[in-house]
Amino acid sequence: MSVDRDQVLRAAAALLTRKATASMDEIAKAAGIGRATLHRHFAGRDALVRALEELGIAEFEHALDQARPEDGDAAEAVRRLIAGSEPVAGILAFLFTENQLYEGGINEGWNRLDARVQALFRRGQEEGTFRLDLSAAWLTEALYGLIGAGAWAVHDGRVAAKDRTRMVAELLLGGAQRRMER
């Protein structure tokens, strides 16, 4: 029987977003395979988490590409990005809090994504949409944090999945947008 590696990763991500401390046995069971099969694909938890990181980077990059951050109004581009990241929000929530990813230096993929998201916020600042007293780097981190928080809130049943995108966008943009001084 052939094992689809991406399917195993998605099953692992689904479990780890609910239970970050899940064992390799639990991950194998969630993926519908034996532990030996899981270990043939991933030598251990570190290799599995690194593979999940690569999947998360690829999927978030796809969401970013689809959001077309350089097109139109910056606030609308942020809304598109939040909506587009919904399918990967759970894995991002896990990855943002996975300490082992930061022990050996940041994956260049994250740096590439950060640069693109920060460019979107800087563009919005230059156009007068976003506040200047909040750095583009901080707005980027806030976006990631809210995407992750939205995933956890949906998972725990505190927020309806259909409301997540709107709630994340309204909270982020409500604090990030410039106000007209009176």
N, C-alpha and C. Protein backbone atom coordinates (compact mmCIF):
# COMPACT_ATOMS: atom_id res chain seq x y z
N MET A 1 0.84 -1.17 0.00
CA MET A 1 0.00 0.00 0.00
C MET A 1 0.89 1.24 0.00
N SER A 2 0.61 2.16 -0.90
CA SER A 2 1.35 3.40 -1.00
C SER A 2 0.78 4.43 -0.02
N VAL A 3 1.67 5.13 0.63
CA VAL A 3 1.27 6.14 1.61
C VAL A 3 1.51 7.52 1.00
N ASP A 4 0.48 8.35 1.00
CA ASP A 4 0.59 9.72 0.51
C ASP A 4 1.18 10.58 1.63
N ARG A 5 2.40 11.02 1.43
CA ARG A 5 3.13 11.78 2.45
C ARG A 5 2.37 13.04 2.86
N ASP A 6 1.83 13.78 1.88
CA ASP A 6 1.08 15.00 2.21
C ASP A 6 -0.17 14.68 3.03
N GLN A 7 -0.80 13.55 2.73
CA GLN A 7 -1.99 13.15 3.50
C GLN A 7 -1.59 12.84 4.95
N VAL A 8 -0.45 12.19 5.14
CA VAL A 8 0.06 11.91 6.48
C VAL A 8 0.34 13.23 7.20
N LEU A 9 0.98 14.17 6.49
CA LEU A 9 1.28 15.46 7.10
C LEU A 9 0.00 16.21 7.49
N ARG A 10 -1.00 16.16 6.64
CA ARG A 10 -2.26 16.85 6.96
C ARG A 10 -2.94 16.22 8.18
N ALA A 11 -2.89 14.90 8.27
CA ALA A 11 -3.46 14.23 9.44
C ALA A 11 -2.67 14.60 10.70
N ALA A 12 -1.34 14.64 10.57
CA ALA A 12 -0.50 15.03 11.71
C ALA A 12 -0.80 16.47 12.12
N ALA A 13 -0.94 17.34 11.13
CA ALA A 13 -1.24 18.74 11.43
C ALA A 13 -2.58 18.87 12.14
N ALA A 14 -3.57 18.14 11.66
CA ALA A 14 -4.90 18.20 12.29
C ALA A 14 -4.83 17.76 13.74
N LEU A 15 -4.08 16.70 14.01
CA LEU A 15 -3.95 16.23 15.39
C LEU A 15 -3.12 17.20 16.22
N LEU A 16 -1.99 17.63 15.70
CA LEU A 16 -1.09 18.49 16.47
C LEU A 16 -1.69 19.86 16.75
N THR A 17 -2.59 20.33 15.91
CA THR A 17 -3.25 21.61 16.22
C THR A 17 -4.20 21.44 17.40
N ARG A 18 -4.68 20.23 17.61
CA ARG A 18 -5.56 19.97 18.76
C ARG A 18 -4.78 19.51 19.98
N LYS A 19 -3.67 18.79 19.72
CA LYS A 19 -2.87 18.23 20.82
C LYS A 19 -1.40 18.30 20.44
N ALA A 20 -0.77 19.42 20.77
CA ALA A 20 0.61 19.68 20.36
C ALA A 20 1.60 18.66 20.91
N THR A 21 1.24 17.97 21.98
CA THR A 21 2.15 17.00 22.60
C THR A 21 1.88 15.57 22.14
N ALA A 22 1.10 15.39 21.10
CA ALA A 22 0.77 14.04 20.63
C ALA A 22 2.04 13.24 20.33
N SER A 23 2.00 11.97 20.67
CA SER A 23 3.14 11.08 20.43
C SER A 23 3.15 10.63 18.97
N MET A 24 4.26 10.06 18.56
CA MET A 24 4.36 9.52 17.20
C MET A 24 3.34 8.40 17.00
N ASP A 25 3.08 7.61 18.05
CA ASP A 25 2.04 6.57 17.96
C ASP A 25 0.68 7.19 17.67
N GLU A 26 0.35 8.25 18.38
CA GLU A 26 -0.93 8.93 18.18
C GLU A 26 -1.02 9.54 16.78
N ILE A 27 0.09 10.09 16.32
CA ILE A 27 0.12 10.69 14.98
C ILE A 27 -0.09 9.61 13.93
N ALA A 28 0.59 8.47 14.08
CA ALA A 28 0.43 7.36 13.13
C ALA A 28 -1.02 6.90 13.10
N LYS A 29 -1.62 6.74 14.28
CA LYS A 29 -3.01 6.31 14.35
C LYS A 29 -3.92 7.31 13.66
N ALA A 30 -3.71 8.61 13.90
CA ALA A 30 -4.53 9.64 13.27
C ALA A 30 -4.40 9.61 11.74
N ALA A 31 -3.21 9.23 11.27
CA ALA A 31 -2.97 9.16 9.82
C ALA A 31 -3.43 7.84 9.22
N GLY A 32 -3.84 6.91 10.07
CA GLY A 32 -4.32 5.62 9.57
C GLY A 32 -3.20 4.70 9.10
N ILE A 33 -2.02 4.87 9.70
CA ILE A 33 -0.87 4.04 9.33
C ILE A 33 -0.22 3.52 10.61
N GLY A 34 0.69 2.60 10.45
CA GLY A 34 1.43 2.08 11.59
C GLY A 34 2.60 2.98 11.94
N ARG A 35 3.09 2.82 13.14
CA ARG A 35 4.21 3.64 13.59
C ARG A 35 5.45 3.41 12.73
N ALA A 36 5.68 2.18 12.33
CA ALA A 36 6.84 1.87 11.49
C ALA A 36 6.75 2.61 10.15
N THR A 37 5.57 2.65 9.59
CA THR A 37 5.37 3.38 8.33
C THR A 37 5.63 4.86 8.53
N LEU A 38 5.13 5.41 9.62
CA LEU A 38 5.37 6.83 9.92
C LEU A 38 6.87 7.08 10.02
N HIS A 39 7.59 6.20 10.69
CA HIS A 39 9.04 6.38 10.86
C HIS A 39 9.81 6.18 9.56
N ARG A 40 9.26 5.44 8.60
CA ARG A 40 9.91 5.33 7.30
C ARG A 40 9.86 6.67 6.57
N HIS A 41 8.81 7.45 6.80
CA HIS A 41 8.67 8.76 6.16
C HIS A 41 9.33 9.87 6.96
N PHE A 42 9.31 9.76 8.28
CA PHE A 42 9.84 10.79 9.16
C PHE A 42 10.61 10.11 10.28
N ALA A 43 11.92 10.35 10.34
CA ALA A 43 12.78 9.64 11.29
C ALA A 43 12.38 9.86 12.74
N GLY A 44 11.72 10.94 13.03
CA GLY A 44 11.29 11.24 14.39
C GLY A 44 10.43 12.48 14.40
N ARG A 45 10.09 12.91 15.58
CA ARG A 45 9.21 14.08 15.72
C ARG A 45 9.82 15.33 15.08
N ASP A 46 11.13 15.52 15.26
CA ASP A 46 11.77 16.69 14.69
C ASP A 46 11.62 16.70 13.17
N ALA A 47 11.85 15.58 12.53
CA ALA A 47 11.71 15.50 11.06
C ALA A 47 10.26 15.75 10.65
N LEU A 48 9.33 15.24 11.42
CA LEU A 48 7.91 15.46 11.13
C LEU A 48 7.55 16.94 11.26
N VAL A 49 8.00 17.57 12.33
CA VAL A 49 7.69 18.99 12.53
C VAL A 49 8.34 19.83 11.43
N ARG A 50 9.55 19.49 11.04
CA ARG A 50 10.21 20.23 9.95
C ARG A 50 9.44 20.05 8.64
N ALA A 51 8.92 18.86 8.38
CA ALA A 51 8.12 18.64 7.18
C ALA A 51 6.81 19.43 7.26
N LEU A 52 6.23 19.50 8.45
CA LEU A 52 5.03 20.31 8.64
C LEU A 52 5.33 21.79 8.41
N GLU A 53 6.51 22.21 8.83
CA GLU A 53 6.91 23.60 8.60
C GLU A 53 6.97 23.89 7.10
N GLU A 54 7.59 22.99 6.36
CA GLU A 54 7.68 23.18 4.91
C GLU A 54 6.28 23.22 4.27
N LEU A 55 5.38 22.35 4.73
CA LEU A 55 4.01 22.35 4.23
C LEU A 55 3.32 23.66 4.59
N GLY A 56 3.47 24.11 5.82
CA GLY A 56 2.85 25.36 6.25
C GLY A 56 3.36 26.55 5.45
N ILE A 57 4.66 26.59 5.21
CA ILE A 57 5.25 27.67 4.40
C ILE A 57 4.66 27.63 2.99
N ALA A 58 4.63 26.46 2.39
CA ALA A 58 4.12 26.34 1.02
C ALA A 58 2.65 26.75 0.93
N GLU A 59 1.85 26.32 1.90
CA GLU A 59 0.43 26.63 1.85
C GLU A 59 0.16 28.11 2.16
N PHE A 60 0.91 28.69 3.09
CA PHE A 60 0.72 30.11 3.36
C PHE A 60 1.22 30.95 2.19
N GLU A 61 2.30 30.51 1.55
CA GLU A 61 2.79 31.22 0.37
C GLU A 61 1.75 31.17 -0.75
N HIS A 62 1.09 30.03 -0.91
CA HIS A 62 0.01 29.93 -1.89
C HIS A 62 -1.13 30.90 -1.55
N ALA A 63 -1.50 30.97 -0.27
CA ALA A 63 -2.56 31.90 0.15
C ALA A 63 -2.13 33.34 -0.12
N LEU A 64 -0.87 33.64 0.12
CA LEU A 64 -0.35 34.98 -0.12
C LEU A 64 -0.37 35.29 -1.62
N ASP A 65 0.04 34.35 -2.44
CA ASP A 65 -0.02 34.53 -3.90
C ASP A 65 -1.45 34.81 -4.35
N GLN A 66 -2.39 34.03 -3.83
CA GLN A 66 -3.80 34.18 -4.22
C GLN A 66 -4.39 35.50 -3.73
N ALA A 67 -3.87 36.02 -2.62
CA ALA A 67 -4.39 37.28 -2.07
C ALA A 67 -3.95 38.49 -2.90
N ARG A 68 -2.97 38.31 -3.74
CA ARG A 68 -2.46 39.40 -4.58
C ARG A 68 -2.20 40.66 -3.74
N PRO A 69 -1.24 40.59 -2.81
CA PRO A 69 -1.03 41.70 -1.88
C PRO A 69 -0.62 43.02 -2.52
N GLU A 70 -0.15 42.96 -3.75
CA GLU A 70 0.26 44.20 -4.42
C GLU A 70 -0.89 44.86 -5.17
N ASP A 71 -2.06 44.23 -5.23
CA ASP A 71 -3.19 44.74 -6.00
C ASP A 71 -4.20 45.47 -5.12
N GLY A 72 -4.66 46.59 -5.61
CA GLY A 72 -5.78 47.30 -4.98
C GLY A 72 -5.46 47.87 -3.61
N ASP A 73 -6.53 48.16 -2.90
CA ASP A 73 -6.45 48.73 -1.56
C ASP A 73 -5.74 47.76 -0.62
N ALA A 74 -4.81 48.29 0.19
CA ALA A 74 -4.02 47.45 1.10
C ALA A 74 -4.91 46.75 2.12
N ALA A 75 -5.90 47.44 2.66
CA ALA A 75 -6.79 46.81 3.65
C ALA A 75 -7.56 45.65 3.02
N GLU A 76 -8.00 45.82 1.79
CA GLU A 76 -8.70 44.73 1.11
C GLU A 76 -7.75 43.57 0.82
N ALA A 77 -6.50 43.86 0.52
CA ALA A 77 -5.51 42.80 0.30
C ALA A 77 -5.29 42.02 1.60
N VAL A 78 -5.27 42.71 2.74
CA VAL A 78 -5.14 42.03 4.03
C VAL A 78 -6.35 41.14 4.26
N ARG A 79 -7.53 41.63 3.95
CA ARG A 79 -8.75 40.81 4.09
C ARG A 79 -8.67 39.56 3.21
N ARG A 80 -8.18 39.72 1.98
CA ARG A 80 -8.04 38.57 1.08
C ARG A 80 -7.04 37.56 1.65
N LEU A 81 -5.95 38.08 2.23
CA LEU A 81 -4.95 37.20 2.81
C LEU A 81 -5.52 36.43 4.00
N ILE A 82 -6.26 37.10 4.85
CA ILE A 82 -6.87 36.42 6.00
C ILE A 82 -7.82 35.34 5.52
N ALA A 83 -8.65 35.66 4.55
CA ALA A 83 -9.59 34.67 4.01
C ALA A 83 -8.84 33.51 3.36
N GLY A 84 -7.81 33.82 2.60
CA GLY A 84 -7.06 32.78 1.90
C GLY A 84 -6.27 31.89 2.83
N SER A 85 -5.93 32.40 4.00
CA SER A 85 -5.15 31.60 4.95
C SER A 85 -6.02 30.68 5.80
N GLU A 86 -7.32 30.79 5.67
CA GLU A 86 -8.22 29.98 6.49
C GLU A 86 -7.92 28.48 6.43
N PRO A 87 -7.70 27.91 5.24
CA PRO A 87 -7.44 26.46 5.20
C PRO A 87 -6.16 26.03 5.91
N VAL A 88 -5.20 26.92 6.06
CA VAL A 88 -3.93 26.58 6.68
C VAL A 88 -3.81 27.18 8.09
N ALA A 89 -4.85 27.81 8.58
CA ALA A 89 -4.80 28.50 9.88
C ALA A 89 -4.43 27.54 11.02
N GLY A 90 -4.96 26.35 11.01
CA GLY A 90 -4.67 25.40 12.09
C GLY A 90 -3.20 25.00 12.14
N ILE A 91 -2.64 24.68 11.00
CA ILE A 91 -1.23 24.30 10.99
C ILE A 91 -0.36 25.49 11.34
N LEU A 92 -0.75 26.70 10.90
CA LEU A 92 0.01 27.89 11.26
C LEU A 92 -0.05 28.13 12.77
N ALA A 93 -1.21 27.90 13.36
CA ALA A 93 -1.35 28.06 14.82
C ALA A 93 -0.37 27.14 15.54
N PHE A 94 -0.26 25.89 15.07
CA PHE A 94 0.69 24.95 15.67
C PHE A 94 2.13 25.42 15.44
N LEU A 95 2.46 25.79 14.21
CA LEU A 95 3.84 26.15 13.88
C LEU A 95 4.29 27.41 14.59
N PHE A 96 3.40 28.38 14.77
CA PHE A 96 3.77 29.64 15.42
C PHE A 96 4.19 29.41 16.86
N THR A 97 3.70 28.33 17.46
CA THR A 97 4.01 28.07 18.87
C THR A 97 4.98 26.92 19.06
N GLU A 98 5.48 26.34 17.99
CA GLU A 98 6.38 25.19 18.08
C GLU A 98 7.81 25.69 18.29
N ASN A 99 8.27 25.66 19.53
CA ASN A 99 9.56 26.23 19.90
C ASN A 99 10.74 25.61 19.16
N GLN A 100 10.69 24.33 18.84
CA GLN A 100 11.85 23.70 18.22
C GLN A 100 12.16 24.29 16.85
N LEU A 101 11.20 24.95 16.25
CA LEU A 101 11.46 25.55 14.94
C LEU A 101 12.40 26.74 15.03
N TYR A 102 12.55 27.29 16.20
CA TYR A 102 13.35 28.50 16.36
C TYR A 102 14.73 28.20 16.96
N GLU A 103 14.99 26.96 17.28
CA GLU A 103 16.25 26.61 17.94
C GLU A 103 17.45 26.67 17.01
N GLY A 104 17.29 26.34 15.77
CA GLY A 104 18.42 26.31 14.84
C GLY A 104 18.42 27.45 13.85
N GLY A 105 17.71 28.51 14.15
CA GLY A 105 17.58 29.63 13.22
C GLY A 105 16.29 29.52 12.44
N ILE A 106 15.87 30.63 11.91
CA ILE A 106 14.59 30.71 11.20
C ILE A 106 14.75 30.16 9.79
N ASN A 107 13.78 29.36 9.37
CA ASN A 107 13.72 28.84 8.01
C ASN A 107 13.62 30.03 7.04
N GLU A 108 14.39 30.02 6.00
CA GLU A 108 14.40 31.11 5.03
C GLU A 108 13.01 31.34 4.41
N GLY A 109 12.21 30.29 4.35
CA GLY A 109 10.85 30.44 3.83
C GLY A 109 10.03 31.42 4.65
N TRP A 110 10.18 31.37 5.99
CA TRP A 110 9.46 32.33 6.84
C TRP A 110 9.94 33.74 6.56
N ASN A 111 11.25 33.91 6.40
CA ASN A 111 11.79 35.24 6.11
C ASN A 111 11.21 35.79 4.81
N ARG A 112 11.10 34.94 3.81
CA ARG A 112 10.55 35.34 2.52
C ARG A 112 9.08 35.77 2.67
N LEU A 113 8.31 34.97 3.43
CA LEU A 113 6.90 35.31 3.63
C LEU A 113 6.75 36.58 4.47
N ASP A 114 7.55 36.68 5.53
CA ASP A 114 7.51 37.88 6.36
C ASP A 114 7.77 39.13 5.52
N ALA A 115 8.76 39.06 4.64
CA ALA A 115 9.10 40.22 3.82
C ALA A 115 7.92 40.62 2.93
N ARG A 116 7.23 39.65 2.39
CA ARG A 116 6.09 39.96 1.51
C ARG A 116 4.93 40.56 2.31
N VAL A 117 4.65 40.01 3.48
CA VAL A 117 3.54 40.53 4.30
C VAL A 117 3.91 41.92 4.81
N GLN A 118 5.14 42.10 5.26
CA GLN A 118 5.57 43.42 5.72
C GLN A 118 5.49 44.45 4.60
N ALA A 119 5.81 44.04 3.38
CA ALA A 119 5.71 44.96 2.24
C ALA A 119 4.26 45.41 2.04
N LEU A 120 3.32 44.50 2.26
CA LEU A 120 1.91 44.86 2.16
C LEU A 120 1.55 45.92 3.21
N PHE A 121 1.99 45.72 4.44
CA PHE A 121 1.68 46.69 5.49
C PHE A 121 2.41 48.02 5.24
N ARG A 122 3.65 47.96 4.77
CA ARG A 122 4.37 49.20 4.45
C ARG A 122 3.67 49.97 3.33
N ARG A 123 3.20 49.24 2.33
CA ARG A 123 2.46 49.88 1.24
C ARG A 123 1.23 50.59 1.79
N GLY A 124 0.52 49.90 2.69
CA GLY A 124 -0.65 50.52 3.31
C GLY A 124 -0.29 51.75 4.13
N GLN A 125 0.85 51.72 4.79
CA GLN A 125 1.30 52.89 5.54
C GLN A 125 1.63 54.05 4.60
N GLU A 126 2.31 53.75 3.52
CA GLU A 126 2.68 54.78 2.54
C GLU A 126 1.44 55.39 1.88
N GLU A 127 0.41 54.58 1.69
CA GLU A 127 -0.82 55.05 1.06
C GLU A 127 -1.74 55.76 2.05
N GLY A 128 -1.39 55.73 3.34
CA GLY A 128 -2.20 56.40 4.34
C GLY A 128 -3.29 55.53 4.94
N THR A 129 -3.28 54.23 4.66
CA THR A 129 -4.30 53.32 5.18
C THR A 129 -3.99 52.86 6.60
N PHE A 130 -2.73 52.52 6.85
CA PHE A 130 -2.33 51.96 8.14
C PHE A 130 -1.53 52.96 8.97
N ARG A 131 -1.64 52.82 10.27
CA ARG A 131 -0.95 53.68 11.22
C ARG A 131 0.56 53.59 11.05
N LEU A 132 1.22 54.72 11.24
CA LEU A 132 2.67 54.77 11.13
C LEU A 132 3.36 54.42 12.44
N ASP A 133 2.64 54.53 13.56
CA ASP A 133 3.26 54.25 14.86
C ASP A 133 3.34 52.76 15.16
N LEU A 134 2.78 51.93 14.30
CA LEU A 134 2.87 50.47 14.42
C LEU A 134 3.74 50.00 13.26
N SER A 135 4.86 49.38 13.56
CA SER A 135 5.77 48.96 12.48
C SER A 135 5.13 47.87 11.63
N ALA A 136 5.59 47.78 10.39
CA ALA A 136 5.12 46.73 9.50
C ALA A 136 5.44 45.35 10.07
N ALA A 137 6.58 45.25 10.75
CA ALA A 137 6.96 43.97 11.38
C ALA A 137 5.95 43.61 12.47
N TRP A 138 5.56 44.59 13.28
CA TRP A 138 4.58 44.32 14.35
C TRP A 138 3.22 43.96 13.75
N LEU A 139 2.79 44.65 12.72
CA LEU A 139 1.50 44.34 12.09
C LEU A 139 1.52 42.92 11.51
N THR A 140 2.67 42.52 10.98
CA THR A 140 2.82 41.16 10.45
C THR A 140 2.67 40.14 11.57
N GLU A 141 3.36 40.36 12.68
CA GLU A 141 3.24 39.44 13.83
C GLU A 141 1.82 39.41 14.36
N ALA A 142 1.17 40.57 14.41
CA ALA A 142 -0.22 40.63 14.88
C ALA A 142 -1.13 39.82 13.96
N LEU A 143 -0.90 39.93 12.65
CA LEU A 143 -1.68 39.14 11.69
C LEU A 143 -1.51 37.65 11.97
N TYR A 144 -0.27 37.20 12.11
CA TYR A 144 -0.02 35.78 12.38
C TYR A 144 -0.69 35.34 13.68
N GLY A 145 -0.53 36.16 14.70
CA GLY A 145 -1.12 35.82 15.99
C GLY A 145 -2.62 35.71 15.93
N LEU A 146 -3.27 36.63 15.22
CA LEU A 146 -4.73 36.59 15.12
C LEU A 146 -5.21 35.43 14.25
N ILE A 147 -4.45 35.09 13.21
CA ILE A 147 -4.81 33.91 12.40
C ILE A 147 -4.76 32.67 13.29
N GLY A 148 -3.70 32.55 14.08
CA GLY A 148 -3.57 31.41 14.99
C GLY A 148 -4.66 31.40 16.05
N ALA A 149 -4.92 32.57 16.64
CA ALA A 149 -5.96 32.65 17.67
C ALA A 149 -7.33 32.30 17.10
N GLY A 150 -7.57 32.74 15.88
CA GLY A 150 -8.84 32.41 15.22
C GLY A 150 -8.98 30.90 15.01
N ALA A 151 -7.88 30.26 14.63
CA ALA A 151 -7.92 28.80 14.44
C ALA A 151 -8.23 28.09 15.75
N TRP A 152 -7.57 28.52 16.84
CA TRP A 152 -7.81 27.90 18.14
C TRP A 152 -9.24 28.15 18.60
N ALA A 153 -9.74 29.36 18.40
CA ALA A 153 -11.10 29.68 18.84
C ALA A 153 -12.13 28.85 18.09
N VAL A 154 -11.91 28.64 16.80
CA VAL A 154 -12.83 27.79 16.03
C VAL A 154 -12.72 26.36 16.52
N HIS A 155 -11.49 25.88 16.69
CA HIS A 155 -11.28 24.51 17.16
C HIS A 155 -11.98 24.25 18.49
N ASP A 156 -11.88 25.21 19.40
CA ASP A 156 -12.48 25.06 20.74
C ASP A 156 -13.97 25.36 20.78
N GLY A 157 -14.54 25.76 19.64
CA GLY A 157 -15.97 26.02 19.58
C GLY A 157 -16.39 27.37 20.14
N ARG A 158 -15.43 28.26 20.35
CA ARG A 158 -15.77 29.59 20.87
C ARG A 158 -16.15 30.56 19.77
N VAL A 159 -15.80 30.23 18.53
CA VAL A 159 -16.10 31.06 17.37
C VAL A 159 -16.56 30.13 16.26
N ALA A 160 -17.60 30.54 15.55
CA ALA A 160 -18.08 29.76 14.40
C ALA A 160 -17.07 29.92 13.25
N ALA A 161 -16.79 28.83 12.56
CA ALA A 161 -15.82 28.86 11.46
C ALA A 161 -16.19 29.93 10.43
N LYS A 162 -17.47 30.11 10.19
CA LYS A 162 -17.90 31.09 9.19
C LYS A 162 -17.62 32.53 9.61
N ASP A 163 -17.38 32.75 10.90
CA ASP A 163 -17.13 34.10 11.41
C ASP A 163 -15.65 34.44 11.57
N ARG A 164 -14.78 33.43 11.50
CA ARG A 164 -13.36 33.64 11.78
C ARG A 164 -12.73 34.73 10.92
N THR A 165 -12.87 34.66 9.62
CA THR A 165 -12.20 35.63 8.74
C THR A 165 -12.64 37.05 9.07
N ARG A 166 -13.93 37.25 9.22
CA ARG A 166 -14.44 38.59 9.51
C ARG A 166 -13.92 39.09 10.85
N MET A 167 -13.94 38.23 11.86
CA MET A 167 -13.51 38.65 13.19
C MET A 167 -12.02 38.98 13.23
N VAL A 168 -11.20 38.17 12.60
CA VAL A 168 -9.76 38.44 12.55
C VAL A 168 -9.50 39.75 11.81
N ALA A 169 -10.14 39.91 10.65
CA ALA A 169 -9.93 41.12 9.84
C ALA A 169 -10.39 42.37 10.59
N GLU A 170 -11.54 42.30 11.21
CA GLU A 170 -12.06 43.48 11.91
C GLU A 170 -11.18 43.87 13.08
N LEU A 171 -10.72 42.90 13.84
CA LEU A 171 -9.87 43.22 14.98
C LEU A 171 -8.53 43.79 14.52
N LEU A 172 -7.89 43.13 13.55
CA LEU A 172 -6.60 43.61 13.07
C LEU A 172 -6.74 44.98 12.42
N LEU A 173 -7.64 45.09 11.46
CA LEU A 173 -7.75 46.34 10.73
C LEU A 173 -8.32 47.46 11.59
N GLY A 174 -9.17 47.13 12.54
CA GLY A 174 -9.71 48.14 13.44
C GLY A 174 -8.62 48.82 14.26
N GLY A 175 -7.59 48.08 14.59
CA GLY A 175 -6.48 48.66 15.33
C GLY A 175 -5.37 49.22 14.46
N ALA A 176 -5.29 48.75 13.22
CA ALA A 176 -4.18 49.12 12.34
C ALA A 176 -4.48 50.34 11.46
N GLN A 177 -5.74 50.57 11.18
CA GLN A 177 -6.07 51.65 10.25
C GLN A 177 -5.94 53.02 10.90
N ARG A 178 -5.49 53.96 10.09
CA ARG A 178 -5.36 55.34 10.57
C ARG A 178 -6.74 55.93 10.79
N ARG A 179 -6.81 56.78 11.77
CA ARG A 179 -8.04 57.51 12.08
C ARG A 179 -7.83 58.96 11.66
N MET A 180 -8.85 59.56 11.23
CA MET A 180 -8.79 60.99 10.89
C MET A 180 -8.77 61.78 12.20
N GLU A 181 -7.81 62.68 12.32
CA GLU A 181 -7.74 63.52 13.52
C GLU A 181 -8.77 64.62 13.42
N ARG A 182 -9.36 64.95 14.57
CA ARG A 182 -10.41 65.98 14.58
C ARG A 182 -9.86 67.29 15.00
